[in-house]
Amino acid sequence: MEELVKINLNDRIKVKLTVKGIKAYIDHMNEPNERAKIGRPIKTKWLLPSIDDEGYTQFQLWEFINIFGHYFYLGNNDVVIMPLEIVKAEQPRGGEQE
């Protein structure tokens, strides 16, 4: 019998971004500047993903899908995460969903 695993779109996950994934993240974060054509860009430190000592970057699941969802399709060799696995991160206290 299959075991159901429930996840919430607000759950925190962590992945190991590839170089392509880091570039995709930076491009995504830069997009509002491009659309608005504002003269002064967002500070660079905010554009870079936060990578922990083990090489993981955390996202809420919905945020990860929003940024990287269009990279996941059959036959795409331009992977943005490696290994191809999503790890459920420790959830902050008080924010757990049932």
N, C-alpha and C. Protein backbone atom coordinates (compact mmCIF):
# COMPACT_ATOMS: atom_id res chain seq x y z
N MET A 1 0.84 -1.18 0.00
CA MET A 1 0.00 0.00 0.00
C MET A 1 0.88 1.24 0.00
N GLU A 2 0.49 2.24 -0.78
CA GLU A 2 1.25 3.48 -0.86
C GLU A 2 1.09 4.31 0.40
N GLU A 3 2.19 4.94 0.81
CA GLU A 3 2.14 5.85 1.95
C GLU A 3 2.00 7.27 1.41
N LEU A 4 0.99 7.97 1.88
CA LEU A 4 0.78 9.35 1.44
C LEU A 4 1.70 10.29 2.20
N VAL A 5 2.31 11.19 1.49
CA VAL A 5 3.13 12.22 2.10
C VAL A 5 2.46 13.54 1.80
N LYS A 6 2.09 14.24 2.84
CA LYS A 6 1.43 15.53 2.65
C LYS A 6 2.46 16.64 2.76
N ILE A 7 2.42 17.53 1.78
CA ILE A 7 3.24 18.73 1.84
C ILE A 7 2.34 19.91 1.53
N ASN A 8 2.73 21.05 2.02
CA ASN A 8 1.97 22.26 1.82
C ASN A 8 2.80 23.18 0.93
N LEU A 9 2.16 23.93 0.07
CA LEU A 9 2.90 24.84 -0.81
C LEU A 9 3.68 25.89 -0.02
N ASN A 10 3.32 26.10 1.24
CA ASN A 10 4.06 27.03 2.10
C ASN A 10 5.22 26.37 2.84
N ASP A 11 5.35 25.04 2.75
CA ASP A 11 6.45 24.35 3.42
C ASP A 11 7.79 24.84 2.87
N ARG A 12 8.78 24.83 3.73
CA ARG A 12 10.14 25.21 3.30
C ARG A 12 10.83 23.96 2.77
N ILE A 13 11.50 24.14 1.64
CA ILE A 13 12.26 23.05 1.04
C ILE A 13 13.68 23.55 0.81
N LYS A 14 14.60 22.63 0.55
CA LYS A 14 15.95 23.05 0.21
C LYS A 14 16.45 22.20 -0.95
N VAL A 15 17.24 22.83 -1.80
CA VAL A 15 17.79 22.20 -2.99
C VAL A 15 19.23 22.67 -3.17
N LYS A 16 19.98 21.93 -3.98
CA LYS A 16 21.33 22.34 -4.35
C LYS A 16 21.27 22.88 -5.76
N LEU A 17 21.45 24.18 -5.89
CA LEU A 17 21.38 24.83 -7.19
C LEU A 17 22.66 24.57 -8.00
N THR A 18 22.50 24.36 -9.29
CA THR A 18 23.63 24.29 -10.21
C THR A 18 24.01 25.72 -10.59
N VAL A 19 25.06 25.87 -11.37
CA VAL A 19 25.43 27.19 -11.88
C VAL A 19 24.27 27.77 -12.69
N LYS A 20 23.62 26.92 -13.51
CA LYS A 20 22.45 27.35 -14.29
C LYS A 20 21.34 27.80 -13.35
N GLY A 21 21.14 27.09 -12.23
CA GLY A 21 20.12 27.45 -11.24
C GLY A 21 20.40 28.78 -10.58
N ILE A 22 21.66 29.03 -10.25
CA ILE A 22 22.02 30.31 -9.65
C ILE A 22 21.77 31.44 -10.64
N LYS A 23 22.14 31.23 -11.90
CA LYS A 23 21.89 32.25 -12.93
C LYS A 23 20.39 32.49 -13.10
N ALA A 24 19.60 31.41 -13.11
CA ALA A 24 18.14 31.54 -13.24
C ALA A 24 17.57 32.33 -12.06
N TYR A 25 18.07 32.08 -10.86
CA TYR A 25 17.63 32.80 -9.66
C TYR A 25 17.94 34.29 -9.80
N ILE A 26 19.18 34.61 -10.20
CA ILE A 26 19.59 36.01 -10.36
C ILE A 26 18.74 36.69 -11.43
N ASP A 27 18.52 36.00 -12.55
CA ASP A 27 17.69 36.57 -13.62
C ASP A 27 16.27 36.84 -13.13
N HIS A 28 15.73 35.91 -12.34
CA HIS A 28 14.38 36.08 -11.80
C HIS A 28 14.32 37.29 -10.86
N MET A 29 15.32 37.42 -10.00
CA MET A 29 15.33 38.53 -9.05
C MET A 29 15.55 39.87 -9.75
N ASN A 30 16.21 39.87 -10.90
CA ASN A 30 16.48 41.08 -11.65
C ASN A 30 15.29 41.51 -12.50
N GLU A 31 14.36 40.61 -12.75
CA GLU A 31 13.24 40.88 -13.64
C GLU A 31 12.44 42.14 -13.28
N PRO A 32 12.10 42.38 -12.01
CA PRO A 32 11.36 43.62 -11.71
C PRO A 32 12.10 44.88 -12.15
N ASN A 33 13.43 44.89 -12.04
CA ASN A 33 14.21 46.03 -12.50
C ASN A 33 14.06 46.21 -14.00
N GLU A 34 14.09 45.11 -14.73
CA GLU A 34 13.98 45.17 -16.18
C GLU A 34 12.60 45.68 -16.61
N ARG A 35 11.56 45.15 -15.96
CA ARG A 35 10.18 45.56 -16.31
C ARG A 35 9.94 47.02 -15.99
N ALA A 36 10.42 47.47 -14.84
CA ALA A 36 10.16 48.85 -14.41
C ALA A 36 11.10 49.84 -15.07
N LYS A 37 12.22 49.33 -15.59
CA LYS A 37 13.23 50.21 -16.21
C LYS A 37 13.64 51.32 -15.27
N ILE A 38 13.80 50.94 -14.00
CA ILE A 38 14.21 51.96 -13.03
C ILE A 38 15.70 52.24 -13.17
N GLY A 39 16.12 53.42 -12.82
CA GLY A 39 17.49 53.83 -12.99
C GLY A 39 18.47 53.19 -12.02
N ARG A 40 18.02 52.88 -10.83
CA ARG A 40 18.94 52.31 -9.85
C ARG A 40 18.50 50.88 -9.52
N PRO A 41 19.34 49.91 -9.81
CA PRO A 41 18.97 48.50 -9.58
C PRO A 41 18.96 48.13 -8.10
N ILE A 42 18.31 47.02 -7.80
CA ILE A 42 18.31 46.48 -6.44
C ILE A 42 19.75 46.11 -6.08
N LYS A 43 20.10 46.24 -4.81
CA LYS A 43 21.46 45.90 -4.39
C LYS A 43 21.77 44.44 -4.70
N THR A 44 22.98 44.20 -5.20
CA THR A 44 23.40 42.89 -5.68
C THR A 44 23.26 41.80 -4.62
N LYS A 45 23.57 42.10 -3.36
CA LYS A 45 23.53 41.06 -2.33
C LYS A 45 22.13 40.45 -2.21
N TRP A 46 21.09 41.20 -2.54
CA TRP A 46 19.74 40.67 -2.48
C TRP A 46 19.43 39.78 -3.67
N LEU A 47 20.21 39.92 -4.74
CA LEU A 47 19.98 39.13 -5.94
C LEU A 47 20.59 37.75 -5.86
N LEU A 48 21.52 37.53 -4.95
CA LEU A 48 22.22 36.26 -4.86
C LEU A 48 21.49 35.30 -3.93
N PRO A 49 21.41 34.02 -4.30
CA PRO A 49 20.76 33.05 -3.41
C PRO A 49 21.63 32.82 -2.17
N SER A 50 20.98 32.55 -1.06
CA SER A 50 21.68 32.24 0.17
C SER A 50 21.96 30.73 0.20
N ILE A 51 23.23 30.36 0.17
CA ILE A 51 23.64 28.95 0.12
C ILE A 51 24.30 28.60 1.44
N ASP A 52 23.80 27.53 2.11
CA ASP A 52 24.35 27.16 3.41
C ASP A 52 25.65 26.36 3.26
N ASP A 53 26.22 25.95 4.39
CA ASP A 53 27.51 25.24 4.40
C ASP A 53 27.45 23.89 3.69
N GLU A 54 26.26 23.31 3.59
CA GLU A 54 26.10 22.02 2.91
C GLU A 54 25.76 22.19 1.43
N GLY A 55 25.66 23.44 0.97
CA GLY A 55 25.38 23.71 -0.43
C GLY A 55 23.90 23.85 -0.78
N TYR A 56 23.04 23.91 0.25
CA TYR A 56 21.60 24.01 0.02
C TYR A 56 21.11 25.47 0.04
N THR A 57 20.10 25.73 -0.76
CA THR A 57 19.38 27.00 -0.75
C THR A 57 17.94 26.70 -0.38
N GLN A 58 17.36 27.46 0.54
CA GLN A 58 15.99 27.22 0.98
C GLN A 58 15.01 28.13 0.27
N PHE A 59 13.83 27.58 0.04
CA PHE A 59 12.72 28.31 -0.56
C PHE A 59 11.44 27.81 0.09
N GLN A 60 10.36 28.59 -0.01
CA GLN A 60 9.05 28.01 0.21
C GLN A 60 8.75 27.28 -1.09
N LEU A 61 8.02 26.18 -1.01
CA LEU A 61 7.77 25.35 -2.18
C LEU A 61 7.16 26.16 -3.32
N TRP A 62 6.17 27.02 -3.02
CA TRP A 62 5.53 27.81 -4.08
C TRP A 62 6.53 28.74 -4.76
N GLU A 63 7.48 29.28 -3.98
CA GLU A 63 8.49 30.19 -4.53
C GLU A 63 9.43 29.44 -5.47
N PHE A 64 9.83 28.23 -5.07
CA PHE A 64 10.69 27.41 -5.91
C PHE A 64 10.00 27.09 -7.24
N ILE A 65 8.72 26.72 -7.17
CA ILE A 65 7.96 26.43 -8.39
C ILE A 65 7.86 27.67 -9.26
N ASN A 66 7.60 28.82 -8.66
CA ASN A 66 7.48 30.07 -9.40
C ASN A 66 8.77 30.41 -10.15
N ILE A 67 9.91 30.24 -9.51
CA ILE A 67 11.19 30.60 -10.11
C ILE A 67 11.67 29.56 -11.12
N PHE A 68 11.55 28.28 -10.77
CA PHE A 68 12.21 27.24 -11.55
C PHE A 68 11.28 26.28 -12.28
N GLY A 69 9.97 26.41 -12.08
CA GLY A 69 9.03 25.44 -12.64
C GLY A 69 9.17 25.20 -14.13
N HIS A 70 9.43 26.25 -14.91
CA HIS A 70 9.50 26.09 -16.36
C HIS A 70 10.76 25.38 -16.83
N TYR A 71 11.70 25.08 -15.93
CA TYR A 71 12.90 24.32 -16.29
C TYR A 71 12.67 22.81 -16.20
N PHE A 72 11.56 22.39 -15.65
CA PHE A 72 11.31 20.96 -15.45
C PHE A 72 10.36 20.42 -16.50
N TYR A 73 10.93 19.77 -17.50
CA TYR A 73 10.14 19.11 -18.53
C TYR A 73 10.98 17.98 -19.12
N LEU A 74 10.30 17.01 -19.71
CA LEU A 74 10.95 15.84 -20.26
C LEU A 74 11.94 16.23 -21.35
N GLY A 75 13.16 15.78 -21.22
CA GLY A 75 14.18 16.03 -22.22
C GLY A 75 15.04 17.25 -21.97
N ASN A 76 14.75 18.03 -20.94
CA ASN A 76 15.57 19.20 -20.64
C ASN A 76 16.87 18.76 -19.97
N ASN A 77 17.98 19.09 -20.57
CA ASN A 77 19.28 18.78 -19.99
C ASN A 77 19.89 19.96 -19.26
N ASP A 78 19.18 21.07 -19.23
CA ASP A 78 19.63 22.29 -18.56
C ASP A 78 19.13 22.28 -17.12
N VAL A 79 19.68 21.41 -16.29
CA VAL A 79 19.16 21.24 -14.94
C VAL A 79 19.55 22.41 -14.04
N VAL A 80 18.63 22.80 -13.17
CA VAL A 80 18.88 23.91 -12.26
C VAL A 80 19.18 23.44 -10.85
N ILE A 81 18.92 22.15 -10.57
CA ILE A 81 19.29 21.57 -9.27
C ILE A 81 19.98 20.23 -9.53
N MET A 82 20.93 19.91 -8.67
CA MET A 82 21.62 18.63 -8.77
C MET A 82 22.12 18.28 -7.40
N PRO A 83 21.79 17.13 -6.84
CA PRO A 83 21.02 16.06 -7.46
C PRO A 83 19.56 16.47 -7.65
N LEU A 84 18.85 15.71 -8.44
CA LEU A 84 17.46 16.03 -8.75
C LEU A 84 16.55 15.60 -7.61
N GLU A 85 16.70 16.25 -6.49
CA GLU A 85 15.87 15.95 -5.33
C GLU A 85 15.58 17.22 -4.55
N ILE A 86 14.41 17.21 -3.95
CA ILE A 86 13.96 18.32 -3.11
C ILE A 86 13.87 17.78 -1.69
N VAL A 87 14.50 18.46 -0.76
CA VAL A 87 14.51 18.03 0.64
C VAL A 87 13.60 18.96 1.42
N LYS A 88 12.73 18.38 2.24
CA LYS A 88 11.88 19.21 3.09
C LYS A 88 12.74 19.76 4.22
N ALA A 89 12.79 21.07 4.32
CA ALA A 89 13.61 21.74 5.33
C ALA A 89 12.88 21.75 6.66
N GLU A 90 13.64 21.97 7.71
CA GLU A 90 13.03 22.11 9.04
C GLU A 90 12.13 23.34 9.01
N GLN A 91 10.91 23.17 9.47
CA GLN A 91 9.93 24.26 9.45
C GLN A 91 10.12 25.17 10.65
N PRO A 92 9.98 26.47 10.45
CA PRO A 92 10.10 27.39 11.58
C PRO A 92 9.03 27.14 12.61
N ARG A 93 9.35 27.33 13.86
CA ARG A 93 8.38 27.13 14.94
C ARG A 93 7.21 28.07 14.81
N GLY A 94 6.02 27.55 15.07
CA GLY A 94 4.82 28.37 15.05
C GLY A 94 4.22 28.52 13.67
N GLY A 95 4.92 28.10 12.62
CA GLY A 95 4.42 28.28 11.27
C GLY A 95 4.02 26.96 10.62
N GLU A 96 3.93 25.90 11.41
CA GLU A 96 3.62 24.60 10.82
C GLU A 96 2.17 24.52 10.41
N GLN A 97 1.96 23.90 9.28
CA GLN A 97 0.62 23.71 8.73
C GLN A 97 0.20 22.27 8.89
N GLU A 98 -1.02 22.02 9.14
CA GLU A 98 -1.56 20.65 9.22
C GLU A 98 -2.25 20.30 7.95
